[in-house]
Amino acid sequence: MGGYYTVKQGENLDLIAVCFGFADCQPIYDHPNNAELKGDRDNPDVLYPQDRVFIPELRLREEPCATDQLHSFTMKGPKKMLRVAVQDSDGNKLTGVPYELTIEATPRCAPRFRDTPKQVLKSQIDSSGVVECPIPINASSATLKVGSMVWYLRIGDLNPGSDTLDDGVSGIQARLKNLGFDPGPIDGMSGPLTQSAIRAFQEKYPPLKVDGICGPKTWKQLKAIHGS
């Protein structure tokens, strides 16, 4: 029969799918009952708290096996990558510099998530100035250290920029902040600091109109520069 699930902050559709026993989100995302959700959320990794997702009934898969023998089955799950472009205070990308990335994961509903250890990765930033590495699907936060600089990252907290209760403001604020424009608190309220950050973004990317309003053209550019 299936039923509806209400999304919580920090959740994506693959994580929800695994918690309900699916190998990935595609059977849920493509279900006819989620057509409206799919129309509003073109990226299943970016959902909004209180989005409602229909979870279809899980169908068991049968595999013919010889009796009186030991058999091993491996369930493949979705993979997630963390990509962070790293720049100095002047906006210059950092390349070939050592970094340390500590990833924290949150226990979730699936049994394999209940004892996820902290991961510490050490490497060098690549030639494009990007830190890229696989992360657990239930990763919730990370700390990135590059020399004396430290960034604290919230993983999975990015909100959509439209079709939300706050008219996409929190999603716009988060993207601006990630790109180095200070919108003030990520509170879903378009105050003076947010408008100033939008104007600074518009000034950096002409020929956008510099009016402090995140209209369709500014939003399209913001989403493209941010990458999601």
C-alpha atoms as a PDB file:
ATOM      1  CA  MET A   1       0.000   0.000   0.000  1.00  0.00           C
ATOM      2  CA  GLY A   2       2.681   2.505   0.920  1.00  0.00           C
ATOM      3  CA  GLY A   3       2.229   5.825   2.694  1.00  0.00           C
ATOM      4  CA  TYR A   4       3.525   9.362   3.057  1.00  0.00           C
ATOM      5  CA  TYR A   5       6.638  10.522   4.886  1.00  0.00           C
ATOM      6  CA  THR A   6       7.385  14.101   5.993  1.00  0.00           C
ATOM      7  CA  VAL A   7      10.929  15.263   5.258  1.00  0.00           C
ATOM      8  CA  LYS A   8      13.099  16.544   8.119  1.00  0.00           C
ATOM      9  CA  GLN A   9      15.917  19.093   7.896  1.00  0.00           C
ATOM     10  CA  GLY A  10      19.108  17.538   6.532  1.00  0.00           C
ATOM     11  CA  GLU A  11      17.420  14.606   4.784  1.00  0.00           C
ATOM     12  CA  ASN A  12      17.733  13.763   1.100  1.00  0.00           C
ATOM     13  CA  LEU A  13      15.748  11.245  -0.901  1.00  0.00           C
ATOM     14  CA  ASP A  14      18.488   8.595  -1.078  1.00  0.00           C
ATOM     15  CA  LEU A  15      18.814   8.657   2.707  1.00  0.00           C
ATOM     16  CA  ILE A  16      15.040   8.334   3.112  1.00  0.00           C
ATOM     17  CA  ALA A  17      14.965   5.501   0.581  1.00  0.00           C
ATOM     18  CA  VAL A  18      17.670   3.496   2.364  1.00  0.00           C
ATOM     19  CA  CYS A  19      15.884   3.980   5.686  1.00  0.00           C
ATOM     20  CA  PHE A  20      12.789   2.383   4.159  1.00  0.00           C
ATOM     21  CA  GLY A  21      14.744  -0.553   2.719  1.00  0.00           C
ATOM     22  CA  PHE A  22      15.273   0.607  -0.878  1.00  0.00           C
ATOM     23  CA  ALA A  23      18.647   0.407  -2.607  1.00  0.00           C
ATOM     24  CA  ASP A  24      18.308   3.992  -3.873  1.00  0.00           C
ATOM     25  CA  CYS A  25      15.719   6.721  -4.355  1.00  0.00           C
ATOM     26  CA  GLN A  26      14.717   6.084  -7.965  1.00  0.00           C
ATOM     27  CA  PRO A  27      11.628   3.879  -7.307  1.00  0.00           C
ATOM     28  CA  ILE A  28      10.365   6.577  -4.920  1.00  0.00           C
ATOM     29  CA  TYR A  29      11.319   9.611  -7.026  1.00  0.00           C
ATOM     30  CA  ASP A  30       9.727   8.113 -10.165  1.00  0.00           C
ATOM     31  CA  HIS A  31       6.516   6.964  -8.479  1.00  0.00           C
ATOM     32  CA  PRO A  32       3.395   8.642  -9.947  1.00  0.00           C
ATOM     33  CA  ASN A  33       2.302   9.777  -6.472  1.00  0.00           C
ATOM     34  CA  ASN A  34       5.495  11.872  -6.299  1.00  0.00           C
ATOM     35  CA  ALA A  35       5.025  13.603  -9.659  1.00  0.00           C
ATOM     36  CA  GLU A  36       4.317  16.960  -7.995  1.00  0.00           C
ATOM     37  CA  LEU A  37       7.312  16.615  -5.697  1.00  0.00           C
ATOM     38  CA  LYS A  38       9.537  15.719  -8.661  1.00  0.00           C
ATOM     39  CA  GLY A  39       8.263  18.781 -10.506  1.00  0.00           C
ATOM     40  CA  ASP A  40       9.125  21.041  -7.564  1.00  0.00           C
ATOM     41  CA  ARG A  41      12.417  19.339  -6.614  1.00  0.00           C
ATOM     42  CA  ASP A  42      14.547  18.746  -9.695  1.00  0.00           C
ATOM     43  CA  ASN A  43      17.356  17.568  -7.404  1.00  0.00           C
ATOM     44  CA  PRO A  44      16.385  14.757  -4.982  1.00  0.00           C
ATOM     45  CA  ASP A  45      19.386  15.727  -2.850  1.00  0.00           C
ATOM     46  CA  VAL A  46      17.791  19.117  -2.086  1.00  0.00           C
ATOM     47  CA  LEU A  47      14.486  18.729  -0.267  1.00  0.00           C
ATOM     48  CA  TYR A  48      12.635  21.108   2.032  1.00  0.00           C
ATOM     49  CA  PRO A  49      11.543  20.232   5.585  1.00  0.00           C
ATOM     50  CA  GLN A  50       7.852  19.323   5.546  1.00  0.00           C
ATOM     51  CA  ASP A  51       7.958  18.133   1.925  1.00  0.00           C
ATOM     52  CA  ARG A  52       5.753  15.049   1.735  1.00  0.00           C
ATOM     53  CA  VAL A  53       7.133  11.994  -0.023  1.00  0.00           C
ATOM     54  CA  PHE A  54       5.081   8.957  -0.960  1.00  0.00           C
ATOM     55  CA  ILE A  55       6.894   5.743  -0.004  1.00  0.00           C
ATOM     56  CA  PRO A  56       5.622   2.831  -2.132  1.00  0.00           C
ATOM     57  CA  GLU A  57       5.350  -0.663  -0.741  1.00  0.00           C
ATOM     58  CA  LEU A  58       8.704  -2.413  -0.728  1.00  0.00           C
ATOM     59  CA  ARG A  59       8.705  -5.444  -2.999  1.00  0.00           C
ATOM     60  CA  LEU A  60      10.841  -8.353  -1.910  1.00  0.00           C
ATOM     61  CA  ARG A  61      13.254  -9.760  -4.455  1.00  0.00           C
ATOM     62  CA  GLU A  62      13.695 -13.500  -4.745  1.00  0.00           C
ATOM     63  CA  GLU A  63      16.895 -15.232  -5.835  1.00  0.00           C
ATOM     64  CA  PRO A  64      17.051 -18.955  -6.669  1.00  0.00           C
ATOM     65  CA  CYS A  65      19.748 -20.668  -4.607  1.00  0.00           C
ATOM     66  CA  ALA A  66      20.898 -24.196  -4.079  1.00  0.00           C
ATOM     67  CA  THR A  67      19.991 -25.618  -0.687  1.00  0.00           C
ATOM     68  CA  ASP A  68      22.536 -26.870   1.873  1.00  0.00           C
ATOM     69  CA  GLN A  69      25.031 -24.229   0.732  1.00  0.00           C
ATOM     70  CA  LEU A  70      26.233 -20.927   2.135  1.00  0.00           C
ATOM     71  CA  HIS A  71      25.292 -17.882   0.039  1.00  0.00           C
ATOM     72  CA  SER A  72      26.331 -14.242   0.397  1.00  0.00           C
ATOM     73  CA  PHE A  73      24.266 -11.297  -0.826  1.00  0.00           C
ATOM     74  CA  THR A  74      25.475  -7.718  -1.025  1.00  0.00           C
ATOM     75  CA  MET A  75      23.042  -4.820  -1.128  1.00  0.00           C
ATOM     76  CA  LYS A  76      24.400  -1.911  -3.118  1.00  0.00           C
ATOM     77  CA  GLY A  77      23.557   1.517  -1.778  1.00  0.00           C
ATOM     78  CA  PRO A  78      23.751   5.040  -3.182  1.00  0.00           C
ATOM     79  CA  LYS A  79      27.069   6.873  -3.027  1.00  0.00           C
ATOM     80  CA  LYS A  80      27.503  10.527  -2.072  1.00  0.00           C
ATOM     81  CA  MET A  81      30.376  12.865  -2.845  1.00  0.00           C
ATOM     82  CA  LEU A  82      31.341  16.001  -0.951  1.00  0.00           C
ATOM     83  CA  ARG A  83      32.767  18.740  -3.186  1.00  0.00           C
ATOM     84  CA  VAL A  84      34.050  21.972  -1.676  1.00  0.00           C
ATOM     85  CA  ALA A  85      35.757  24.733  -3.644  1.00  0.00           C
ATOM     86  CA  VAL A  86      38.390  26.305  -1.379  1.00  0.00           C
ATOM     87  CA  GLN A  87      39.528  29.935  -1.669  1.00  0.00           C
ATOM     88  CA  ASP A  88      41.551  32.302   0.470  1.00  0.00           C
ATOM     89  CA  SER A  89      40.209  35.576   1.888  1.00  0.00           C
ATOM     90  CA  ASP A  90      40.988  37.347  -1.409  1.00  0.00           C
ATOM     91  CA  GLY A  91      38.959  34.885  -3.463  1.00  0.00           C
ATOM     92  CA  ASN A  92      41.968  33.044  -4.915  1.00  0.00           C
ATOM     93  CA  LYS A  93      41.552  29.289  -5.225  1.00  0.00           C
ATOM     94  CA  LEU A  94      43.930  27.143  -3.203  1.00  0.00           C
ATOM     95  CA  THR A  95      45.627  24.267  -5.012  1.00  0.00           C
ATOM     96  CA  GLY A  96      48.084  21.594  -3.936  1.00  0.00           C
ATOM     97  CA  VAL A  97      47.667  22.530  -0.275  1.00  0.00           C
ATOM     98  CA  PRO A  98      47.307  19.830   2.421  1.00  0.00           C
ATOM     99  CA  TYR A  99      43.942  19.581   4.150  1.00  0.00           C
ATOM    100  CA  GLU A 100      42.298  17.585   6.901  1.00  0.00           C
ATOM    101  CA  LEU A 101      38.601  16.756   6.669  1.00  0.00           C
ATOM    102  CA  THR A 102      36.699  15.324   9.643  1.00  0.00           C
ATOM    103  CA  ILE A 103      33.277  13.906   8.790  1.00  0.00           C
ATOM    104  CA  GLU A 104      30.568  13.312  11.379  1.00  0.00           C
ATOM    105  CA  ALA A 105      27.563  11.101  10.671  1.00  0.00           C
ATOM    106  CA  THR A 106      24.213  10.986  12.422  1.00  0.00           C
ATOM    107  CA  PRO A 107      22.516   7.722  13.474  1.00  0.00           C
ATOM    108  CA  ARG A 108      19.444   7.179  11.341  1.00  0.00           C
ATOM    109  CA  CYS A 109      16.617   4.687  11.050  1.00  0.00           C
ATOM    110  CA  ALA A 110      18.501   2.038   9.053  1.00  0.00           C
ATOM    111  CA  PRO A 111      20.409  -0.430  11.290  1.00  0.00           C
ATOM    112  CA  ARG A 112      23.704   0.109   9.471  1.00  0.00           C
ATOM    113  CA  PHE A 113      23.617   3.796  10.406  1.00  0.00           C
ATOM    114  CA  ARG A 114      23.495   3.297  14.167  1.00  0.00           C
ATOM    115  CA  ASP A 115      27.225   2.970  14.667  1.00  0.00           C
ATOM    116  CA  THR A 116      28.828   5.111  11.971  1.00  0.00           C
ATOM    117  CA  PRO A 117      32.349   6.092  13.070  1.00  0.00           C
ATOM    118  CA  LYS A 118      33.871   9.541  12.615  1.00  0.00           C
ATOM    119  CA  GLN A 119      36.071   9.736   9.514  1.00  0.00           C
ATOM    120  CA  VAL A 120      39.261  11.772   9.235  1.00  0.00           C
ATOM    121  CA  LEU A 121      40.669  12.230   5.731  1.00  0.00           C
ATOM    122  CA  LYS A 122      43.995  13.854   4.882  1.00  0.00           C
ATOM    123  CA  SER A 123      45.050  14.770   1.366  1.00  0.00           C
ATOM    124  CA  GLN A 124      45.841  17.736  -0.891  1.00  0.00           C
ATOM    125  CA  ILE A 125      43.471  20.116  -2.663  1.00  0.00           C
ATOM    126  CA  ASP A 126      43.421  19.260  -6.375  1.00  0.00           C
ATOM    127  CA  SER A 127      44.529  21.459  -9.260  1.00  0.00           C
ATOM    128  CA  SER A 128      41.060  22.960  -9.650  1.00  0.00           C
ATOM    129  CA  GLY A 129      40.963  24.120  -6.031  1.00  0.00           C
ATOM    130  CA  VAL A 130      38.368  21.544  -4.997  1.00  0.00           C
ATOM    131  CA  VAL A 131      38.242  19.081  -2.126  1.00  0.00           C
ATOM    132  CA  GLU A 132      36.341  16.041  -3.367  1.00  0.00           C
ATOM    133  CA  CYS A 133      35.785  12.812  -1.476  1.00  0.00           C
ATOM    134  CA  PRO A 134      33.129  10.129  -0.878  1.00  0.00           C
ATOM    135  CA  ILE A 135      31.104  10.488   2.307  1.00  0.00           C
ATOM    136  CA  PRO A 136      28.594   8.282   4.154  1.00  0.00           C
ATOM    137  CA  ILE A 137      25.026   8.804   3.023  1.00  0.00           C
ATOM    138  CA  ASN A 138      24.127   9.795   6.586  1.00  0.00           C
ATOM    139  CA  ALA A 139      26.947  12.357   6.905  1.00  0.00           C
ATOM    140  CA  SER A 140      25.616  15.415   8.745  1.00  0.00           C
ATOM    141  CA  SER A 141      28.587  17.733   9.303  1.00  0.00           C
ATOM    142  CA  ALA A 142      32.269  18.163   8.550  1.00  0.00           C
ATOM    143  CA  THR A 143      35.233  20.257   9.635  1.00  0.00           C
ATOM    144  CA  LEU A 144      37.700  21.272   6.935  1.00  0.00           C
ATOM    145  CA  LYS A 145      41.154  22.483   8.025  1.00  0.00           C
ATOM    146  CA  VAL A 146      43.559  24.057   5.541  1.00  0.00           C
ATOM    147  CA  GLY A 147      46.598  25.520   7.272  1.00  0.00           C
ATOM    148  CA  SER A 148      45.306  28.000   9.876  1.00  0.00           C
ATOM    149  CA  MET A 149      41.879  28.235   8.218  1.00  0.00           C
ATOM    150  CA  VAL A 150      38.939  26.185   9.477  1.00  0.00           C
ATOM    151  CA  TRP A 151      35.488  25.792   7.923  1.00  0.00           C
ATOM    152  CA  TYR A 152      32.528  24.116   9.637  1.00  0.00           C
ATOM    153  CA  LEU A 153      30.180  22.502   7.123  1.00  0.00           C
ATOM    154  CA  ARG A 154      26.570  21.398   7.528  1.00  0.00           C
ATOM    155  CA  ILE A 155      25.945  18.563   5.079  1.00  0.00           C
ATOM    156  CA  GLY A 156      22.475  18.139   3.624  1.00  0.00           C
ATOM    157  CA  ASP A 157      21.033  21.343   5.104  1.00  0.00           C
ATOM    158  CA  LEU A 158      20.762  23.216   1.785  1.00  0.00           C
ATOM    159  CA  ASN A 159      17.142  24.192   1.112  1.00  0.00           C
ATOM    160  CA  PRO A 160      15.509  24.673  -2.304  1.00  0.00           C
ATOM    161  CA  GLY A 161      15.257  28.198  -3.672  1.00  0.00           C
ATOM    162  CA  SER A 162      11.580  28.046  -4.616  1.00  0.00           C
ATOM    163  CA  ASP A 163       8.274  26.378  -3.723  1.00  0.00           C
ATOM    164  CA  THR A 164       8.945  26.643   0.018  1.00  0.00           C
ATOM    165  CA  LEU A 165       7.173  28.193   2.984  1.00  0.00           C
ATOM    166  CA  ASP A 166       9.788  30.983   3.117  1.00  0.00           C
ATOM    167  CA  ASP A 167       9.605  31.642  -0.659  1.00  0.00           C
ATOM    168  CA  GLY A 168      13.063  30.137  -1.101  1.00  0.00           C
ATOM    169  CA  VAL A 169      14.808  32.780   1.023  1.00  0.00           C
ATOM    170  CA  SER A 170      16.714  30.342   3.267  1.00  0.00           C
ATOM    171  CA  GLY A 171      17.952  28.480   0.182  1.00  0.00           C
ATOM    172  CA  ILE A 172      19.110  31.743  -1.395  1.00  0.00           C
ATOM    173  CA  GLN A 173      20.815  32.819   1.844  1.00  0.00           C
ATOM    174  CA  ALA A 174      22.666  29.515   2.200  1.00  0.00           C
ATOM    175  CA  ARG A 175      23.983  29.629  -1.358  1.00  0.00           C
ATOM    176  CA  LEU A 176      25.124  33.224  -0.953  1.00  0.00           C
ATOM    177  CA  LYS A 177      26.916  32.352   2.294  1.00  0.00           C
ATOM    178  CA  ASN A 178      28.589  29.326   0.714  1.00  0.00           C
ATOM    179  CA  LEU A 179      29.918  31.587  -2.050  1.00  0.00           C
ATOM    180  CA  GLY A 180      31.351  34.129   0.404  1.00  0.00           C
ATOM    181  CA  PHE A 181      28.554  36.717   0.392  1.00  0.00           C
ATOM    182  CA  ASP A 182      27.297  37.490   3.906  1.00  0.00           C
ATOM    183  CA  PRO A 183      23.467  37.384   4.051  1.00  0.00           C
ATOM    184  CA  GLY A 184      23.340  37.373   7.851  1.00  0.00           C
ATOM    185  CA  PRO A 185      21.587  34.502   9.659  1.00  0.00           C
ATOM    186  CA  ILE A 186      20.054  31.734   7.525  1.00  0.00           C
ATOM    187  CA  ASP A 187      16.594  32.555   8.858  1.00  0.00           C
ATOM    188  CA  GLY A 188      14.370  32.674   5.768  1.00  0.00           C
ATOM    189  CA  MET A 189      13.835  36.434   6.151  1.00  0.00           C
ATOM    190  CA  SER A 190      14.945  38.785   3.381  1.00  0.00           C
ATOM    191  CA  GLY A 191      16.298  41.650   5.494  1.00  0.00           C
ATOM    192  CA  PRO A 192      18.913  44.351   4.726  1.00  0.00           C
ATOM    193  CA  LEU A 193      21.902  41.983   5.040  1.00  0.00           C
ATOM    194  CA  THR A 194      20.389  39.480   2.624  1.00  0.00           C
ATOM    195  CA  GLN A 195      19.521  42.209   0.131  1.00  0.00           C
ATOM    196  CA  SER A 196      23.054  43.603   0.429  1.00  0.00           C
ATOM    197  CA  ALA A 197      24.517  40.148  -0.236  1.00  0.00           C
ATOM    198  CA  ILE A 198      22.314  39.759  -3.306  1.00  0.00           C
ATOM    199  CA  ARG A 199      23.468  43.141  -4.607  1.00  0.00           C
ATOM    200  CA  ALA A 200      27.118  42.149  -4.062  1.00  0.00           C
ATOM    201  CA  PHE A 201      26.506  38.938  -6.010  1.00  0.00           C
ATOM    202  CA  GLN A 202      24.770  40.843  -8.812  1.00  0.00           C
ATOM    203  CA  GLU A 203      27.660  43.314  -9.012  1.00  0.00           C
ATOM    204  CA  LYS A 204      30.139  40.462  -9.370  1.00  0.00           C
ATOM    205  CA  TYR A 205      28.184  38.791 -12.168  1.00  0.00           C
ATOM    206  CA  PRO A 206      27.077  41.379 -14.740  1.00  0.00           C
ATOM    207  CA  PRO A 207      24.872  41.990 -16.617  1.00  0.00           C
ATOM    208  CA  LEU A 208      22.585  41.085 -13.701  1.00  0.00           C
ATOM    209  CA  LYS A 209      20.475  44.007 -12.560  1.00  0.00           C
ATOM    210  CA  VAL A 210      21.810  45.271  -9.214  1.00  0.00           C
ATOM    211  CA  ASP A 211      18.601  45.657  -7.220  1.00  0.00           C
ATOM    212  CA  GLY A 212      19.003  43.338  -4.218  1.00  0.00           C
ATOM    213  CA  ILE A 213      16.168  41.118  -5.460  1.00  0.00           C
ATOM    214  CA  CYS A 214      16.768  37.469  -6.327  1.00  0.00           C
ATOM    215  CA  GLY A 215      14.583  37.335  -9.423  1.00  0.00           C
ATOM    216  CA  PRO A 216      14.615  34.550 -12.045  1.00  0.00           C
ATOM    217  CA  LYS A 217      17.864  35.679 -13.750  1.00  0.00           C
ATOM    218  CA  THR A 218      19.751  36.186 -10.481  1.00  0.00           C
ATOM    219  CA  TRP A 219      18.474  32.864  -9.122  1.00  0.00           C
ATOM    220  CA  LYS A 220      19.530  31.042 -12.296  1.00  0.00           C
ATOM    221  CA  GLN A 221      23.029  32.521 -12.047  1.00  0.00           C
ATOM    222  CA  LEU A 222      23.265  31.869  -8.304  1.00  0.00           C
ATOM    223  CA  LYS A 223      22.275  28.244  -8.754  1.00  0.00           C
ATOM    224  CA  ALA A 224      24.711  27.783 -11.645  1.00  0.00           C
ATOM    225  CA  ILE A 225      27.669  29.304  -9.779  1.00  0.00           C
ATOM    226  CA  HIS A 226      26.851  27.375  -6.607  1.00  0.00           C
ATOM    227  CA  GLY A 227      26.443  24.100  -8.495  1.00  0.00           C
ATOM    228  CA  SER A 228      23.039  23.100  -7.116  1.00  0.00           C
END
